[in-house]
PDB file of N, CA and C in Angstrom:
ATOM      1  N   UNK A   1     -17.749  -6.729  -1.272  1.00  0.00           N
ATOM      2  CA  UNK A   1     -16.573  -6.897  -0.441  1.00  0.00           C
ATOM      3  C   UNK A   1     -15.335  -7.216  -1.286  1.00  0.00           C
ATOM      4  N   UNK A   2     -15.536  -7.990  -2.358  1.00  0.00           N
ATOM      5  CA  UNK A   2     -14.412  -8.352  -3.214  1.00  0.00           C
ATOM      6  C   UNK A   2     -13.823  -7.120  -3.895  1.00  0.00           C
ATOM      7  N   UNK A   3     -14.681  -6.171  -4.267  1.00  0.00           N
ATOM      8  CA  UNK A   3     -14.199  -4.953  -4.914  1.00  0.00           C
ATOM      9  C   UNK A   3     -13.319  -4.164  -3.946  1.00  0.00           C
ATOM     10  N   UNK A   4     -13.723  -4.091  -2.680  1.00  0.00           N
ATOM     11  CA  UNK A   4     -12.916  -3.401  -1.667  1.00  0.00           C
ATOM     12  C   UNK A   4     -11.566  -4.082  -1.493  1.00  0.00           C
ATOM     13  N   UNK A   5     -11.554  -5.406  -1.419  1.00  0.00           N
ATOM     14  CA  UNK A   5     -10.286  -6.133  -1.272  1.00  0.00           C
ATOM     15  C   UNK A   5      -9.377  -5.916  -2.471  1.00  0.00           C
ATOM     16  N   UNK A   6      -9.956  -5.852  -3.653  1.00  0.00           N
ATOM     17  CA  UNK A   6      -9.144  -5.592  -4.850  1.00  0.00           C
ATOM     18  C   UNK A   6      -8.589  -4.167  -4.840  1.00  0.00           C
ATOM     19  N   UNK A   7      -9.394  -3.214  -4.388  1.00  0.00           N
ATOM     20  CA  UNK A   7      -8.914  -1.824  -4.297  1.00  0.00           C
ATOM     21  C   UNK A   7      -7.789  -1.727  -3.275  1.00  0.00           C
ATOM     22  N   UNK A   8      -7.931  -2.412  -2.148  1.00  0.00           N
ATOM     23  CA  UNK A   8      -6.873  -2.410  -1.133  1.00  0.00           C
ATOM     24  C   UNK A   8      -5.622  -3.126  -1.638  1.00  0.00           C
ATOM     25  N   UNK A   9      -5.804  -4.205  -2.379  1.00  0.00           N
ATOM     26  CA  UNK A   9      -4.652  -4.907  -2.957  1.00  0.00           C
ATOM     27  C   UNK A   9      -3.919  -4.004  -3.943  1.00  0.00           C
ATOM     28  N   UNK A  10      -4.665  -3.268  -4.734  1.00  0.00           N
ATOM     29  CA  UNK A  10      -4.039  -2.350  -5.684  1.00  0.00           C
ATOM     30  C   UNK A  10      -3.297  -1.214  -5.000  1.00  0.00           C
ATOM     31  N   UNK A  11      -3.787  -0.798  -3.846  1.00  0.00           N
ATOM     32  CA  UNK A  11      -3.158   0.293  -3.103  1.00  0.00           C
ATOM     33  C   UNK A  11      -2.093  -0.199  -2.132  1.00  0.00           C
ATOM     34  N   UNK A  12      -1.942  -1.508  -1.997  1.00  0.00           N
ATOM     35  CA  UNK A  12      -1.034  -2.039  -0.973  1.00  0.00           C
ATOM     36  C   UNK A  12       0.431  -1.607  -1.128  1.00  0.00           C
ATOM     37  N   UNK A  13       1.003  -1.478  -2.333  1.00  0.00           N
ATOM     38  CA  UNK A  13       2.391  -1.000  -2.394  1.00  0.00           C
ATOM     39  C   UNK A  13       2.554   0.405  -1.811  1.00  0.00           C
ATOM     40  N   UNK A  14       1.615   1.282  -2.116  1.00  0.00           N
ATOM     41  CA  UNK A  14       1.692   2.643  -1.580  1.00  0.00           C
ATOM     42  C   UNK A  14       1.464   2.640  -0.072  1.00  0.00           C
ATOM     43  N   UNK A  15       0.499   1.866   0.389  1.00  0.00           N
ATOM     44  CA  UNK A  15       0.235   1.793   1.831  1.00  0.00           C
ATOM     45  C   UNK A  15       1.445   1.237   2.571  1.00  0.00           C
ATOM     46  N   UNK A  16       2.072   0.197   2.023  1.00  0.00           N
ATOM     47  CA  UNK A  16       3.256  -0.390   2.647  1.00  0.00           C
ATOM     48  C   UNK A  16       4.421   0.599   2.669  1.00  0.00           C
ATOM     49  N   UNK A  17       4.626   1.300   1.561  1.00  0.00           N
ATOM     50  CA  UNK A  17       5.725   2.281   1.496  1.00  0.00           C
ATOM     51  C   UNK A  17       5.519   3.405   2.504  1.00  0.00           C
ATOM     52  N   UNK A  18       4.286   3.854   2.674  1.00  0.00           N
ATOM     53  CA  UNK A  18       4.045   4.924   3.640  1.00  0.00           C
ATOM     54  C   UNK A  18       4.212   4.428   5.072  1.00  0.00           C
ATOM     55  N   UNK A  19       3.837   3.189   5.331  1.00  0.00           N
ATOM     56  CA  UNK A  19       4.070   2.624   6.673  1.00  0.00           C
ATOM     57  C   UNK A  19       5.567   2.506   6.965  1.00  0.00           C
ATOM     58  N   UNK A  20       6.326   2.020   6.003  1.00  0.00           N
ATOM     59  CA  UNK A  20       7.780   1.905   6.177  1.00  0.00           C
ATOM     60  C   UNK A  20       8.397   3.289   6.357  1.00  0.00           C
ATOM     61  N   UNK A  21       7.963   4.251   5.567  1.00  0.00           N
ATOM     62  CA  UNK A  21       8.474   5.618   5.706  1.00  0.00           C
ATOM     63  C   UNK A  21       8.169   6.204   7.073  1.00  0.00           C
ATOM     64  N   UNK A  22       6.970   5.965   7.582  1.00  0.00           N
ATOM     65  CA  UNK A  22       6.608   6.449   8.905  1.00  0.00           C
ATOM     66  C   UNK A  22       7.433   5.805  10.003  1.00  0.00           C
ATOM     67  N   UNK A  23       7.658   4.499   9.887  1.00  0.00           N
ATOM     68  CA  UNK A  23       8.484   3.800  10.884  1.00  0.00           C
ATOM     69  C   UNK A  23       9.919   4.315  10.827  1.00  0.00           C
ATOM     70  N   UNK A  24      10.468   4.489   9.628  1.00  0.00           N
ATOM     71  CA  UNK A  24      11.829   5.024   9.504  1.00  0.00           C
ATOM     72  C   UNK A  24      11.931   6.436  10.075  1.00  0.00           C
ATOM     73  N   UNK A  25      10.909   7.240   9.873  1.00  0.00           N
ATOM     74  CA  UNK A  25      10.913   8.593  10.437  1.00  0.00           C
ATOM     75  C   UNK A  25      10.956   8.531  11.959  1.00  0.00           C
ATOM     76  N   UNK A  26      10.210   7.608  12.538  1.00  0.00           N
ATOM     77  CA  UNK A  26      10.226   7.471  14.001  1.00  0.00           C
ATOM     78  C   UNK A  26      11.575   6.945  14.502  1.00  0.00           C
ATOM     79  N   UNK A  27      12.158   5.999  13.774  1.00  0.00           N
ATOM     80  CA  UNK A  27      13.449   5.440  14.165  1.00  0.00           C
ATOM     81  C   UNK A  27      14.549   6.500  14.088  1.00  0.00           C
ATOM     82  N   UNK A  28      14.497   7.347  13.077  1.00  0.00           N
ATOM     83  CA  UNK A  28      15.548   8.348  12.857  1.00  0.00           C
ATOM     84  C   UNK A  28      15.221   9.701  13.484  1.00  0.00           C
ATOM     85  N   UNK A  29      14.206   9.756  14.311  1.00  0.00           N
ATOM     86  CA  UNK A  29      13.766  11.007  14.922  1.00  0.00           C
ATOM     87  C   UNK A  29      14.903  11.700  15.687  1.00  0.00           C
ATOM     88  N   UNK A  30      15.679  10.949  16.449  1.00  0.00           N
ATOM     89  CA  UNK A  30      16.762  11.546  17.257  1.00  0.00           C
ATOM     90  C   UNK A  30      17.848  12.169  16.386  1.00  0.00           C
ATOM     91  N   UNK A  31      18.126  11.567  15.240  1.00  0.00           N
ATOM     92  CA  UNK A  31      19.189  12.080  14.358  1.00  0.00           C
ATOM     93  C   UNK A  31      18.796  13.386  13.669  1.00  0.00           C
ATOM     94  N   UNK A  32      17.564  13.458  13.235  1.00  0.00           N
ATOM     95  CA  UNK A  32      17.105  14.628  12.478  1.00  0.00           C
ATOM     96  C   UNK A  32      15.625  14.848  12.769  1.00  0.00           C
ATOM     97  N   UNK A  33      15.309  15.539  13.864  1.00  0.00           N
ATOM     98  CA  UNK A  33      13.901  15.653  14.262  1.00  0.00           C
ATOM     99  C   UNK A  33      13.003  16.391  13.265  1.00  0.00           C
ATOM    100  N   UNK A  34      13.467  17.496  12.694  1.00  0.00           N
ATOM    101  CA  UNK A  34      12.609  18.248  11.774  1.00  0.00           C
ATOM    102  C   UNK A  34      12.318  17.455  10.495  1.00  0.00           C
ATOM    103  N   UNK A  35      13.341  16.921   9.807  1.00  0.00           N
ATOM    104  CA  UNK A  35      13.033  16.109   8.624  1.00  0.00           C
ATOM    105  C   UNK A  35      12.174  14.890   8.958  1.00  0.00           C
ATOM    106  N   UNK A  36      12.423  14.268  10.113  1.00  0.00           N
ATOM    107  CA  UNK A  36      11.627  13.103  10.501  1.00  0.00           C
ATOM    108  C   UNK A  36      10.160  13.488  10.700  1.00  0.00           C
ATOM    109  N   UNK A  37       9.919  14.645  11.314  1.00  0.00           N
ATOM    110  CA  UNK A  37       8.545  15.106  11.507  1.00  0.00           C
ATOM    111  C   UNK A  37       7.866  15.362  10.164  1.00  0.00           C
ATOM    112  N   UNK A  38       8.577  15.989   9.251  1.00  0.00           N
ATOM    113  CA  UNK A  38       8.006  16.280   7.935  1.00  0.00           C
ATOM    114  C   UNK A  38       7.707  14.995   7.168  1.00  0.00           C
ATOM    115  N   UNK A  39       8.616  14.038   7.230  1.00  0.00           N
ATOM    116  CA  UNK A  39       8.383  12.752   6.564  1.00  0.00           C
ATOM    117  C   UNK A  39       7.212  12.026   7.208  1.00  0.00           C
ATOM    118  N   UNK A  40       7.141  12.060   8.528  1.00  0.00           N
ATOM    119  CA  UNK A  40       6.033  11.412   9.227  1.00  0.00           C
ATOM    120  C   UNK A  40       4.689  12.036   8.836  1.00  0.00           C
ATOM    121  N   UNK A  41       4.628  13.362   8.768  1.00  0.00           N
ATOM    122  CA  UNK A  41       3.404  14.037   8.335  1.00  0.00           C
ATOM    123  C   UNK A  41       3.044  13.664   6.892  1.00  0.00           C
ATOM    124  N   UNK A  42       4.052  13.647   6.022  1.00  0.00           N
ATOM    125  CA  UNK A  42       3.808  13.296   4.625  1.00  0.00           C
ATOM    126  C   UNK A  42       3.309  11.858   4.503  1.00  0.00           C
ATOM    127  N   UNK A  43       3.914  10.953   5.247  1.00  0.00           N
ATOM    128  CA  UNK A  43       3.488   9.549   5.188  1.00  0.00           C
ATOM    129  C   UNK A  43       2.075   9.379   5.736  1.00  0.00           C
ATOM    130  N   UNK A  44       1.752  10.069   6.811  1.00  0.00           N
ATOM    131  CA  UNK A  44       0.395   9.976   7.374  1.00  0.00           C
ATOM    132  C   UNK A  44      -0.629  10.520   6.377  1.00  0.00           C
ATOM    133  N   UNK A  45      -0.316  11.640   5.744  1.00  0.00           N
ATOM    134  CA  UNK A  45      -1.233  12.206   4.750  1.00  0.00           C
ATOM    135  C   UNK A  45      -1.404  11.261   3.566  1.00  0.00           C
ATOM    136  N   UNK A  46      -0.289  10.733   3.066  1.00  0.00           N
ATOM    137  CA  UNK A  46      -0.349   9.826   1.919  1.00  0.00           C
ATOM    138  C   UNK A  46      -1.136   8.568   2.266  1.00  0.00           C
ATOM    139  N   UNK A  47      -0.920   8.019   3.457  1.00  0.00           N
ATOM    140  CA  UNK A  47      -1.645   6.828   3.891  1.00  0.00           C
ATOM    141  C   UNK A  47      -3.144   7.108   3.933  1.00  0.00           C
ATOM    142  N   UNK A  48      -3.520   8.255   4.513  1.00  0.00           N
ATOM    143  CA  UNK A  48      -4.942   8.597   4.628  1.00  0.00           C
ATOM    144  C   UNK A  48      -5.583   8.798   3.253  1.00  0.00           C
ATOM    145  N   UNK A  49      -4.914   9.516   2.361  1.00  0.00           N
ATOM    146  CA  UNK A  49      -5.462   9.769   1.028  1.00  0.00           C
ATOM    147  C   UNK A  49      -5.598   8.455   0.255  1.00  0.00           C
ATOM    148  N   UNK A  50      -4.584   7.603   0.333  1.00  0.00           N
ATOM    149  CA  UNK A  50      -4.621   6.325  -0.384  1.00  0.00           C
ATOM    150  C   UNK A  50      -5.703   5.411   0.173  1.00  0.00           C
ATOM    151  N   UNK A  51      -5.792   5.334   1.493  1.00  0.00           N
ATOM    152  CA  UNK A  51      -6.798   4.481   2.121  1.00  0.00           C
ATOM    153  C   UNK A  51      -8.208   4.987   1.820  1.00  0.00           C
ATOM    154  N   UNK A  52      -8.406   6.303   1.876  1.00  0.00           N
ATOM    155  CA  UNK A  52      -9.721   6.863   1.555  1.00  0.00           C
ATOM    156  C   UNK A  52     -10.087   6.586   0.102  1.00  0.00           C
ATOM    157  N   UNK A  53      -9.136   6.758  -0.801  1.00  0.00           N
ATOM    158  CA  UNK A  53      -9.396   6.485  -2.215  1.00  0.00           C
ATOM    159  C   UNK A  53      -9.760   5.030  -2.460  1.00  0.00           C
ATOM    160  N   UNK A  54      -9.060   4.112  -1.802  1.00  0.00           N
ATOM    161  CA  UNK A  54      -9.372   2.686  -1.956  1.00  0.00           C
ATOM    162  C   UNK A  54     -10.745   2.366  -1.377  1.00  0.00           C
ATOM    163  N   UNK A  55     -11.064   2.944  -0.222  1.00  0.00           N
ATOM    164  CA  UNK A  55     -12.375   2.730   0.385  1.00  0.00           C
ATOM    165  C   UNK A  55     -13.474   3.273  -0.515  1.00  0.00           C
ATOM    166  N   UNK A  56     -13.255   4.458  -1.043  1.00  0.00           N
ATOM    167  CA  UNK A  56     -14.260   5.082  -1.887  1.00  0.00           C
ATOM    168  C   UNK A  56     -14.481   4.252  -3.159  1.00  0.00           C
ATOM    169  N   UNK A  57     -13.389   3.835  -3.776  1.00  0.00           N
ATOM    170  CA  UNK A  57     -13.474   3.066  -5.014  1.00  0.00           C
ATOM    171  C   UNK A  57     -14.026   1.659  -4.772  1.00  0.00           C
ATOM    172  N   UNK A  58     -13.646   1.055  -3.657  1.00  0.00           N
ATOM    173  CA  UNK A  58     -13.994  -0.337  -3.434  1.00  0.00           C
ATOM    174  C   UNK A  58     -15.243  -0.586  -2.610  1.00  0.00           C
ATOM    175  N   UNK A  59     -15.715   0.423  -1.893  1.00  0.00           N
ATOM    176  CA  UNK A  59     -16.879   0.202  -1.040  1.00  0.00           C
ATOM    177  C   UNK A  59     -17.985   1.227  -1.272  1.00  0.00           C
ATOM    178  N   UNK A  60     -17.655   2.497  -1.090  1.00  0.00           N
ATOM    179  CA  UNK A  60     -18.693   3.523  -1.115  1.00  0.00           C
ATOM    180  C   UNK A  60     -19.342   3.683  -2.487  1.00  0.00           C
ATOM    181  N   UNK A  61     -18.524   3.838  -3.524  1.00  0.00           N
ATOM    182  CA  UNK A  61     -19.096   4.049  -4.861  1.00  0.00           C
ATOM    183  C   UNK A  61     -19.952   2.867  -5.330  1.00  0.00           C
ATOM    184  N   UNK A  62     -19.468   1.628  -5.224  1.00  0.00           N
ATOM    185  CA  UNK A  62     -20.343   0.517  -5.637  1.00  0.00           C
ATOM    186  C   UNK A  62     -21.625   0.439  -4.812  1.00  0.00           C
ATOM    187  N   UNK A  63     -21.536   0.688  -3.504  1.00  0.00           N
ATOM    188  CA  UNK A  63     -22.726   0.626  -2.656  1.00  0.00           C
ATOM    189  C   UNK A  63     -23.705   1.744  -3.003  1.00  0.00           C
ATOM    190  N   UNK A  64     -23.197   2.925  -3.263  1.00  0.00           N
ATOM    191  CA  UNK A  64     -24.069   4.051  -3.620  1.00  0.00           C
ATOM    192  C   UNK A  64     -24.730   3.824  -4.970  1.00  0.00           C
ATOM    193  N   UNK A  65     -23.990   3.289  -5.922  1.00  0.00           N
ATOM    194  CA  UNK A  65     -24.573   3.012  -7.250  1.00  0.00           C
ATOM    195  C   UNK A  65     -25.631   1.919  -7.140  1.00  0.00           C
ATOM    196  N   UNK A  66     -25.353   0.895  -6.359  1.00  0.00           N
ATOM    197  CA  UNK A  66     -26.307  -0.204  -6.208  1.00  0.00           C
ATOM    198  C   UNK A  66     -27.595   0.249  -5.523  1.00  0.00           C
ATOM    199  N   UNK A  67     -27.460   1.143  -4.558  1.00  0.00           N
ATOM    200  CA  UNK A  67     -28.632   1.651  -3.838  1.00  0.00           C
ATOM    201  C   UNK A  67     -29.388   2.698  -4.644  1.00  0.00           C
ATOM    202  N   UNK A  68     -28.831   3.114  -5.765  1.00  0.00           N
ATOM    203  CA  UNK A  68     -29.498   4.103  -6.605  1.00  0.00           C
ATOM    204  C   UNK A  68     -29.364   5.517  -6.077  1.00  0.00           C
ATOM    205  N   UNK A  69     -28.435   5.745  -5.177  1.00  0.00           N
ATOM    206  CA  UNK A  69     -28.246   7.072  -4.572  1.00  0.00           C
ATOM    207  C   UNK A  69     -27.380   7.982  -5.426  1.00  0.00           C
ATOM    208  N   UNK A  70     -26.744   7.441  -6.436  1.00  0.00           N
ATOM    209  CA  UNK A  70     -25.754   8.199  -7.178  1.00  0.00           C
ATOM    210  C   UNK A  70     -26.045   8.089  -8.678  1.00  0.00           C
ATOM    211  N   UNK A  71     -26.501   9.179  -9.267  1.00  0.00           N
ATOM    212  CA  UNK A  71     -26.711   9.193 -10.712  1.00  0.00           C
ATOM    213  C   UNK A  71     -25.359   9.334 -11.396  1.00  0.00           C
ATOM    214  N   UNK A  72     -25.334   9.086 -12.679  1.00  0.00           N
ATOM    215  CA  UNK A  72     -24.094   9.199 -13.437  1.00  0.00           C
ATOM    216  C   UNK A  72     -23.557  10.630 -13.399  1.00  0.00           C
ATOM    217  N   UNK A  73     -24.449  11.601 -13.432  1.00  0.00           N
ATOM    218  CA  UNK A  73     -24.034  13.002 -13.386  1.00  0.00           C
ATOM    219  C   UNK A  73     -23.419  13.336 -12.020  1.00  0.00           C
ATOM    220  N   UNK A  74     -24.059  12.897 -10.952  1.00  0.00           N
ATOM    221  CA  UNK A  74     -23.511  13.149  -9.612  1.00  0.00           C
ATOM    222  C   UNK A  74     -22.210  12.393  -9.398  1.00  0.00           C
ATOM    223  N   UNK A  75     -22.124  11.192  -9.952  1.00  0.00           N
ATOM    224  CA  UNK A  75     -20.892  10.419  -9.859  1.00  0.00           C
ATOM    225  C   UNK A  75     -19.753  11.149 -10.559  1.00  0.00           C
ATOM    226  N   UNK A  76     -20.015  11.667 -11.734  1.00  0.00           N
ATOM    227  CA  UNK A  76     -18.989  12.414 -12.475  1.00  0.00           C
ATOM    228  C   UNK A  76     -18.546  13.653 -11.704  1.00  0.00           C
ATOM    229  N   UNK A  77     -19.488  14.368 -11.135  1.00  0.00           N
ATOM    230  CA  UNK A  77     -19.155  15.550 -10.348  1.00  0.00           C
ATOM    231  C   UNK A  77     -18.338  15.162  -9.122  1.00  0.00           C
ATOM    232  N   UNK A  78     -18.765  14.133  -8.429  1.00  0.00           N
ATOM    233  CA  UNK A  78     -18.053  13.686  -7.230  1.00  0.00           C
ATOM    234  C   UNK A  78     -16.628  13.259  -7.562  1.00  0.00           C
ATOM    235  N   UNK A  79     -16.471  12.494  -8.644  1.00  0.00           N
ATOM    236  CA  UNK A  79     -15.129  12.037  -9.023  1.00  0.00           C
ATOM    237  C   UNK A  79     -14.242  13.205  -9.445  1.00  0.00           C
ATOM    238  N   UNK A  80     -14.821  14.207 -10.078  1.00  0.00           N
ATOM    239  CA  UNK A  80     -14.042  15.389 -10.435  1.00  0.00           C
ATOM    240  C   UNK A  80     -13.569  16.150  -9.210  1.00  0.00           C
ATOM    241  N   UNK A  81     -14.459  16.311  -8.235  1.00  0.00           N
ATOM    242  CA  UNK A  81     -14.084  17.000  -6.987  1.00  0.00           C
ATOM    243  C   UNK A  81     -13.026  16.192  -6.245  1.00  0.00           C
ATOM    244  N   UNK A  82     -13.225  14.869  -6.166  1.00  0.00           N
ATOM    245  CA  UNK A  82     -12.237  14.033  -5.476  1.00  0.00           C
ATOM    246  C   UNK A  82     -10.891  14.075  -6.209  1.00  0.00           C
ATOM    247  N   UNK A  83     -10.916  14.105  -7.536  1.00  0.00           N
ATOM    248  CA  UNK A  83      -9.671  14.193  -8.299  1.00  0.00           C
ATOM    249  C   UNK A  83      -8.894  15.455  -7.978  1.00  0.00           C
ATOM    250  N   UNK A  84      -9.575  16.582  -7.901  1.00  0.00           N
ATOM    251  CA  UNK A  84      -8.905  17.843  -7.568  1.00  0.00           C
ATOM    252  C   UNK A  84      -8.379  17.806  -6.133  1.00  0.00           C
ATOM    253  N   UNK A  85      -9.202  17.349  -5.207  1.00  0.00           N
ATOM    254  CA  UNK A  85      -8.783  17.294  -3.794  1.00  0.00           C
ATOM    255  C   UNK A  85      -7.592  16.360  -3.599  1.00  0.00           C
ATOM    256  N   UNK A  86      -7.649  15.179  -4.202  1.00  0.00           N
ATOM    257  CA  UNK A  86      -6.536  14.245  -4.028  1.00  0.00           C
ATOM    258  C   UNK A  86      -5.270  14.768  -4.687  1.00  0.00           C
ATOM    259  N   UNK A  87      -5.410  15.470  -5.787  1.00  0.00           N
ATOM    260  CA  UNK A  87      -4.242  16.060  -6.439  1.00  0.00           C
ATOM    261  C   UNK A  87      -3.595  17.121  -5.555  1.00  0.00           C
ATOM    262  N   UNK A  88      -4.409  17.947  -4.926  1.00  0.00           N
ATOM    263  CA  UNK A  88      -3.886  18.963  -4.001  1.00  0.00           C
ATOM    264  C   UNK A  88      -3.191  18.294  -2.821  1.00  0.00           C
ATOM    265  N   UNK A  89      -3.811  17.253  -2.275  1.00  0.00           N
ATOM    266  CA  UNK A  89      -3.207  16.556  -1.136  1.00  0.00           C
ATOM    267  C   UNK A  89      -1.907  15.863  -1.527  1.00  0.00           C
ATOM    268  N   UNK A  90      -1.861  15.261  -2.715  1.00  0.00           N
ATOM    269  CA  UNK A  90      -0.615  14.639  -3.180  1.00  0.00           C
ATOM    270  C   UNK A  90       0.473  15.691  -3.388  1.00  0.00           C
ATOM    271  N   UNK A  91       0.087  16.862  -3.862  1.00  0.00           N
ATOM    272  CA  UNK A  91       1.057  17.953  -3.997  1.00  0.00           C
ATOM    273  C   UNK A  91       1.598  18.393  -2.648  1.00  0.00           C
ATOM    274  N   UNK A  92       0.728  18.444  -1.640  1.00  0.00           N
ATOM    275  CA  UNK A  92       1.178  18.792  -0.290  1.00  0.00           C
ATOM    276  C   UNK A  92       2.126  17.737   0.258  1.00  0.00           C
ATOM    277  N   UNK A  93       1.835  16.469  -0.002  1.00  0.00           N
ATOM    278  CA  UNK A  93       2.722  15.384   0.438  1.00  0.00           C
ATOM    279  C   UNK A  93       4.089  15.536  -0.213  1.00  0.00           C
ATOM    280  N   UNK A  94       4.109  15.770  -1.508  1.00  0.00           N
ATOM    281  CA  UNK A  94       5.379  15.941  -2.210  1.00  0.00           C
ATOM    282  C   UNK A  94       6.130  17.156  -1.685  1.00  0.00           C
ATOM    283  N   UNK A  95       5.408  18.242  -1.412  1.00  0.00           N
ATOM    284  CA  UNK A  95       6.042  19.428  -0.849  1.00  0.00           C
ATOM    285  C   UNK A  95       6.681  19.146   0.507  1.00  0.00           C
ATOM    286  N   UNK A  96       5.991  18.391   1.354  1.00  0.00           N
ATOM    287  CA  UNK A  96       6.561  18.026   2.659  1.00  0.00           C
ATOM    288  C   UNK A  96       7.814  17.177   2.502  1.00  0.00           C
ATOM    289  N   UNK A  97       7.803  16.269   1.544  1.00  0.00           N
ATOM    290  CA  UNK A  97       8.981  15.420   1.335  1.00  0.00           C
ATOM    291  C   UNK A  97      10.165  16.215   0.800  1.00  0.00           C
ATOM    292  N   UNK A  98       9.901  17.156  -0.101  1.00  0.00           N
ATOM    293  CA  UNK A  98      10.992  18.010  -0.603  1.00  0.00           C
ATOM    294  C   UNK A  98      11.530  18.881   0.526  1.00  0.00           C
ATOM    295  N   UNK A  99      10.641  19.433   1.327  1.00  0.00           N
ATOM    296  CA  UNK A  99      11.053  20.240   2.479  1.00  0.00           C
ATOM    297  C   UNK A  99      11.899  19.394   3.428  1.00  0.00           C
ATOM    298  N   UNK A 100      11.482  18.154   3.674  1.00  0.00           N
ATOM    299  CA  UNK A 100      12.225  17.268   4.571  1.00  0.00           C
ATOM    300  C   UNK A 100      13.620  16.973   4.034  1.00  0.00           C
ATOM    301  N   UNK A 101      13.753  16.890   2.714  1.00  0.00           N
ATOM    302  CA  UNK A 101      15.056  16.589   2.119  1.00  0.00           C
ATOM    303  C   UNK A 101      16.075  17.689   2.390  1.00  0.00           C
ATOM    304  N   UNK A 102      15.609  18.913   2.573  1.00  0.00           N
ATOM    305  CA  UNK A 102      16.535  20.030   2.749  1.00  0.00           C
ATOM    306  C   UNK A 102      16.466  20.669   4.120  1.00  0.00           C
ATOM    307  N   UNK A 103      15.579  20.214   4.974  1.00  0.00           N
ATOM    308  CA  UNK A 103      15.414  20.821   6.306  1.00  0.00           C
ATOM    309  C   UNK A 103      16.628  20.532   7.179  1.00  0.00           C
ATOM    310  N   UNK A 104      17.103  21.552   7.847  1.00  0.00           N
ATOM    311  CA  UNK A 104      18.178  21.398   8.821  1.00  0.00           C
ATOM    312  C   UNK A 104      19.559  21.209   8.238  1.00  0.00           C
ATOM    313  N   UNK A 105      19.718  21.390   6.955  1.00  0.00           N
ATOM    314  CA  UNK A 105      21.052  21.243   6.353  1.00  0.00           C
ATOM    315  C   UNK A 105      21.841  22.534   6.521  1.00  0.00           C
ATOM    316  N   UNK A 106      23.117  22.370   6.680  1.00  0.00           N
ATOM    317  CA  UNK A 106      24.005  23.517   6.754  1.00  0.00           C
ATOM    318  C   UNK A 106      24.150  24.122   5.364  1.00  0.00           C
ATOM    319  N   UNK A 107      24.290  25.434   5.319  1.00  0.00           N
ATOM    320  CA  UNK A 107      24.486  26.088   4.033  1.00  0.00           C
ATOM    321  C   UNK A 107      25.902  25.796   3.555  1.00  0.00           C
ATOM    322  N   UNK A 108      26.060  25.503   2.278  1.00  0.00           N
ATOM    323  CA  UNK A 108      27.375  25.181   1.722  1.00  0.00           C
ATOM    324  C   UNK A 108      28.277  26.406   1.788  1.00  0.00           C
ATOM    325  N   UNK A 109      29.525  26.178   2.172  1.00  0.00           N
ATOM    326  CA  UNK A 109      30.486  27.282   2.268  1.00  0.00           C
ATOM    327  C   UNK A 109      31.251  27.464   0.975  1.00  0.00           C
ATOM    328  N   UNK A 110      31.372  26.412   0.201  1.00  0.00           N
ATOM    329  CA  UNK A 110      32.089  26.495  -1.059  1.00  0.00           C
ATOM    330  C   UNK A 110      31.237  25.871  -2.149  1.00  0.00           C
ATOM    331  N   UNK A 111      31.585  26.183  -3.373  1.00  0.00           N
ATOM    332  CA  UNK A 111      30.854  25.583  -4.495  1.00  0.00           C
ATOM    333  C   UNK A 111      31.169  24.099  -4.551  1.00  0.00           C
ATOM    334  N   UNK A 112      30.200  23.291  -4.913  1.00  0.00           N
ATOM    335  CA  UNK A 112      30.474  21.856  -5.055  1.00  0.00           C
ATOM    336  C   UNK A 112      31.391  21.603  -6.249  1.00  0.00           C
ATOM    337  N   UNK A 113      32.071  20.483  -6.260  1.00  0.00           N
ATOM    338  CA  UNK A 113      32.954  20.200  -7.406  1.00  0.00           C
ATOM    339  C   UNK A 113      32.121  20.012  -8.674  1.00  0.00           C
ATOM    340  N   UNK A 114      32.682  20.319  -9.821  1.00  0.00           N
ATOM    341  CA  UNK A 114      31.939  20.170 -11.079  1.00  0.00           C
ATOM    342  C   UNK A 114      31.663  18.689 -11.354  1.00  0.00           C
ATOM    343  N   UNK A 115      30.553  18.471 -12.016  1.00  0.00           N
ATOM    344  CA  UNK A 115      30.186  17.097 -12.387  1.00  0.00           C
ATOM    345  C   UNK A 115      30.852  16.752 -13.708  1.00  0.00           C
ATOM    346  N   UNK A 116      31.451  15.580 -13.760  1.00  0.00           N
ATOM    347  CA  UNK A 116      32.004  15.140 -15.029  1.00  0.00           C
ATOM    348  C   UNK A 116      33.415  14.908 -15.058  1.00  0.00           C
TER     349      UNK A 116
END
């Protein structure tokens, strides 16, 4: 149980940020519905991936190793598959956030002023 609590403590900044992002998306829904929906989806995905990773690291893996259900070879394979899956999901989250940043914006009519 202590390992799970430590995994959740380690993930708490990300979990808190995704909760705040989701609440802000709901609060700002009327102002910008499409970006708010995209941010809400991204936050929900990030929350789920982070929570699953913490659960897996803090509860499932130690319990499986203790019960003898997971050999080192199977553990390595499982962690490799989870690494690829979580990377794909994190990429999707980032893609949703980038999409949200530009969704519903008017196209610029003139060039922006030069920087400097």
